[in-house]
């Protein structure tokens, strides 16, 4: 039986081609930098960010995986903070996928479940909250809701040459 928070495929636009290797490579593989970020509290601000998304084969299963390495610098009140994370995305169906952090704990949850909601729009849902992502050429727009801390974040990323 599937977990309650898996997203249903029923209302995905019919014109959207399936999430294929070619679609994924054209849309989001590459090197991205944070160009704008807004957050719902004045106590936190993102100063910079870098995201590298690459393809790899899982050595044990032979399945395709997409690894996202993210680094950021933020300000918590008046203190600088640097952080990083690595997540692995796996296709689970025509328009569905999972995202799992390499290092996780029980508070963070284990897996986010995602689906494509249009040609270049994606949404994930997990214990931490929701992420809505839309790719427009060399730009990526994110709307992040962190349910743990009642935070709303909007970010714009730009693809740069590696």
Foldseek 3Di string as FASTA:
>chain_A
DDDPQADDPPQADPPAFFPDPVLCVQFDAAKKKWDDKDKPDPQKDWDIKIKHWDWDADPVPRFIKIKIKMWTWMGGRNRIDIDIWIWIWGDDDRFKIKIATPDDDVQRFGIWIKGARYRFWMKTQDNQGIWIWGTDRQKIWIWTQGVVVRMTMITIMGGDHD
